[in-house]
N, C-alpha and C. Protein backbone atom coordinates (compact mmCIF):
# COMPACT_ATOMS: atom_id res chain seq x y z
N LYS A 1 -64.75 80.41 97.46
CA LYS A 1 -65.63 79.74 96.41
C LYS A 1 -65.75 78.94 95.46
N PRO A 2 -66.90 77.48 95.45
CA PRO A 2 -66.91 76.48 94.88
C PRO A 2 -66.86 76.99 93.34
N VAL A 3 -66.30 76.01 92.98
CA VAL A 3 -66.21 75.77 91.31
C VAL A 3 -66.75 74.67 90.99
N GLU A 4 -67.64 74.62 89.69
CA GLU A 4 -68.28 73.63 88.83
C GLU A 4 -67.20 72.74 88.20
N VAL A 5 -66.70 71.92 88.03
CA VAL A 5 -66.02 70.94 87.16
C VAL A 5 -66.44 70.16 86.17
N PRO A 6 -66.79 70.33 84.89
CA PRO A 6 -67.58 69.61 84.69
C PRO A 6 -66.80 67.93 84.31
N GLN A 7 -68.01 67.25 84.33
CA GLN A 7 -67.44 65.73 84.51
C GLN A 7 -67.14 65.25 83.18
N VAL A 8 -66.62 65.03 82.72
CA VAL A 8 -66.32 63.66 81.39
C VAL A 8 -66.85 62.43 81.11
N GLU A 9 -67.04 62.23 80.88
CA GLU A 9 -67.52 60.63 80.76
C GLU A 9 -66.96 59.87 79.24
N TYR A 10 -66.11 58.52 79.68
CA TYR A 10 -65.69 58.09 78.50
C TYR A 10 -66.58 57.13 78.18
N VAL A 11 -66.90 57.12 76.68
CA VAL A 11 -67.91 56.08 76.12
C VAL A 11 -67.20 54.86 75.24
N ASP A 12 -66.95 54.09 75.57
CA ASP A 12 -66.03 53.37 74.20
C ASP A 12 -66.87 52.55 73.23
N HIS A 13 -66.86 52.88 71.52
CA HIS A 13 -67.84 52.31 71.17
C HIS A 13 -67.20 50.78 70.93
N HIS A 14 -67.36 49.94 70.95
CA HIS A 14 -66.21 48.53 70.07
C HIS A 14 -67.09 48.08 68.71
N THR A 15 -66.56 48.26 67.91
CA THR A 15 -67.10 48.29 66.23
C THR A 15 -66.21 46.43 66.05
N HIS A 16 -67.51 46.07 65.66
CA HIS A 16 -66.84 44.19 65.23
C HIS A 16 -66.51 44.64 63.79
N VAL A 17 -65.19 44.25 63.94
CA VAL A 17 -63.99 44.01 62.44
C VAL A 17 -64.28 42.65 62.00
N PRO A 18 -65.18 42.56 61.10
CA PRO A 18 -64.85 41.16 60.63
C PRO A 18 -62.97 40.60 60.28
N VAL A 19 -63.04 39.24 60.69
CA VAL A 19 -61.91 38.85 60.12
C VAL A 19 -61.49 38.37 58.79
N GLN A 20 -60.01 38.47 58.14
CA GLN A 20 -60.41 38.51 56.60
C GLN A 20 -59.47 37.49 56.43
N LYS A 21 -59.84 36.43 55.90
CA LYS A 21 -58.87 35.30 55.72
C LYS A 21 -58.51 35.20 54.31
N HIS A 22 -57.42 34.80 54.02
CA HIS A 22 -57.32 34.29 53.11
C HIS A 22 -57.39 33.13 52.62
N ARG A 23 -57.71 32.43 51.01
CA ARG A 23 -58.53 31.15 50.67
C ARG A 23 -57.44 31.26 49.22
N GLN A 24 -57.19 30.16 48.90
CA GLN A 24 -56.89 29.61 47.91
C GLN A 24 -57.80 29.40 47.08
N VAL A 25 -57.85 30.22 45.86
CA VAL A 25 -58.91 29.94 44.87
C VAL A 25 -58.58 29.22 43.32
N PRO A 26 -58.57 28.05 42.95
CA PRO A 26 -58.23 27.24 41.75
C PRO A 26 -58.21 28.15 40.66
N MET A 27 -57.53 27.71 39.87
CA MET A 27 -57.24 28.46 38.21
C MET A 27 -58.09 27.91 37.53
N ILE A 28 -59.23 28.11 36.80
CA ILE A 28 -59.32 27.17 36.12
C ILE A 28 -58.86 27.81 35.09
N GLN A 29 -58.60 26.59 33.75
CA GLN A 29 -58.43 27.17 32.33
C GLN A 29 -58.65 26.26 31.53
N THR A 30 -59.83 27.20 30.69
CA THR A 30 -60.39 26.06 29.88
C THR A 30 -59.37 26.30 28.38
N GLU A 31 -59.86 25.37 27.51
CA GLU A 31 -59.27 25.14 25.95
C GLU A 31 -60.31 24.77 25.62
N GLN A 32 -59.33 25.51 24.00
CA GLN A 32 -60.45 25.74 22.71
C GLN A 32 -60.56 24.05 22.03
N GLN A 33 -61.35 23.69 21.71
CA GLN A 33 -61.81 22.29 21.03
C GLN A 33 -62.32 22.64 19.34
N PHE A 34 -61.42 22.25 18.57
CA PHE A 34 -62.09 22.42 17.01
C PHE A 34 -62.74 20.80 16.67
N VAL A 35 -63.81 21.37 15.99
CA VAL A 35 -65.20 20.42 15.69
C VAL A 35 -64.45 20.20 14.28
N ASP A 36 -65.12 19.16 13.75
CA ASP A 36 -64.82 19.55 12.68
C ASP A 36 -66.70 19.42 12.10
N VAL A 37 -66.67 20.60 11.17
CA VAL A 37 -67.76 20.77 10.49
C VAL A 37 -68.36 20.01 9.33
N PRO A 38 -69.20 19.37 9.09
CA PRO A 38 -69.45 18.90 8.22
C PRO A 38 -70.36 19.20 7.27
N GLN A 39 -69.81 19.49 5.88
CA GLN A 39 -70.29 20.70 4.79
C GLN A 39 -71.22 19.38 4.02
N VAL A 40 -72.05 21.15 3.82
CA VAL A 40 -73.55 20.30 2.80
C VAL A 40 -73.21 20.72 1.60
N GLN A 41 -73.16 19.98 0.82
CA GLN A 41 -73.81 20.55 -0.72
C GLN A 41 -75.15 20.43 -1.30
N VAL A 42 -75.84 21.12 -2.02
CA VAL A 42 -76.98 21.64 -2.54
C VAL A 42 -76.60 20.94 -3.71
N ILE A 43 -77.61 20.43 -4.53
CA ILE A 43 -77.60 20.15 -5.82
C ILE A 43 -78.79 20.32 -6.37
N GLU A 44 -79.08 21.35 -6.85
CA GLU A 44 -80.43 21.53 -7.56
C GLU A 44 -80.93 20.96 -9.04
N LYS A 45 -81.79 20.52 -9.35
CA LYS A 45 -82.49 19.75 -10.22
C LYS A 45 -83.10 20.29 -11.04
N ILE A 46 -83.30 20.62 -12.02
CA ILE A 46 -84.53 21.60 -12.79
C ILE A 46 -84.96 20.50 -13.49
N VAL A 47 -86.71 20.33 -13.31
CA VAL A 47 -87.87 19.54 -14.02
C VAL A 47 -88.42 20.51 -14.50
N ASP A 48 -88.90 20.16 -15.29
CA ASP A 48 -89.74 20.69 -16.74
C ASP A 48 -90.91 19.63 -16.09
N VAL A 49 -91.78 20.98 -15.86
CA VAL A 49 -93.50 20.28 -15.75
C VAL A 49 -94.30 20.37 -16.80
N PRO A 50 -94.60 20.12 -17.62
CA PRO A 50 -95.83 20.25 -18.54
C PRO A 50 -97.38 20.65 -18.21
N VAL A 51 -97.69 22.07 -18.83
CA VAL A 51 -98.50 22.67 -17.69
C VAL A 51 -99.42 22.15 -18.77
N GLN A 52 -100.67 21.97 -17.99
CA GLN A 52 -102.27 21.56 -18.63
C GLN A 52 -103.25 22.31 -18.74
N LYS A 53 -103.47 22.64 -20.43
CA LYS A 53 -104.78 23.67 -20.10
C LYS A 53 -105.89 23.17 -19.92
N GLN A 54 -106.96 23.91 -19.95
CA GLN A 54 -108.40 23.12 -19.46
C GLN A 54 -109.09 24.00 -20.90
N VAL A 55 -109.50 23.06 -21.74
CA VAL A 55 -110.32 23.29 -22.44
C VAL A 55 -111.54 23.26 -22.38
N GLN A 56 -112.69 24.34 -23.14
CA GLN A 56 -114.01 23.81 -22.93
C GLN A 56 -114.43 23.27 -23.76
N VAL A 57 -115.06 21.78 -23.86
CA VAL A 57 -115.58 21.56 -25.00
C VAL A 57 -116.94 21.47 -25.06
N PRO A 58 -117.94 22.03 -25.94
CA PRO A 58 -118.94 22.34 -25.77
C PRO A 58 -120.21 20.82 -25.58
N MET A 59 -120.76 20.70 -25.07
CA MET A 59 -122.21 19.55 -25.11
C MET A 59 -122.80 19.50 -26.56
N ILE A 60 -122.86 18.65 -26.62
CA ILE A 60 -123.91 18.33 -27.94
C ILE A 60 -124.71 17.13 -27.74
N THR A 61 -126.18 17.02 -27.76
CA THR A 61 -126.90 16.51 -27.95
C THR A 61 -127.62 16.01 -29.21
N LYS A 62 -128.29 15.05 -29.44
CA LYS A 62 -128.54 14.84 -30.57
C LYS A 62 -130.02 14.87 -30.05
N VAL A 63 -131.02 15.64 -31.12
CA VAL A 63 -132.70 15.26 -30.71
C VAL A 63 -133.21 14.86 -32.38
N GLN A 64 -133.36 13.65 -32.02
CA GLN A 64 -134.08 12.76 -33.08
C GLN A 64 -135.81 12.82 -33.60
N LYS A 65 -135.70 13.08 -34.64
CA LYS A 65 -137.20 13.74 -34.98
C LYS A 65 -137.76 12.47 -35.29
N PRO A 66 -138.71 12.33 -35.54
CA PRO A 66 -139.79 10.62 -35.50
C PRO A 66 -140.20 11.01 -36.74
């Protein structure tokens, strides 16, 4: 009696793996720089401003009698 033997198929999947390269990265150093900040001095001078009042002056008209 013949027996069926299952056929096995091998499938190779090739996965592309990127090549990693090592690179030299330069180190960047920052230095603190001190800057002179000019000082601002505020001098306040108080000046008296005279208050001007408005006064109503009555108009006088002269009538001459003939």
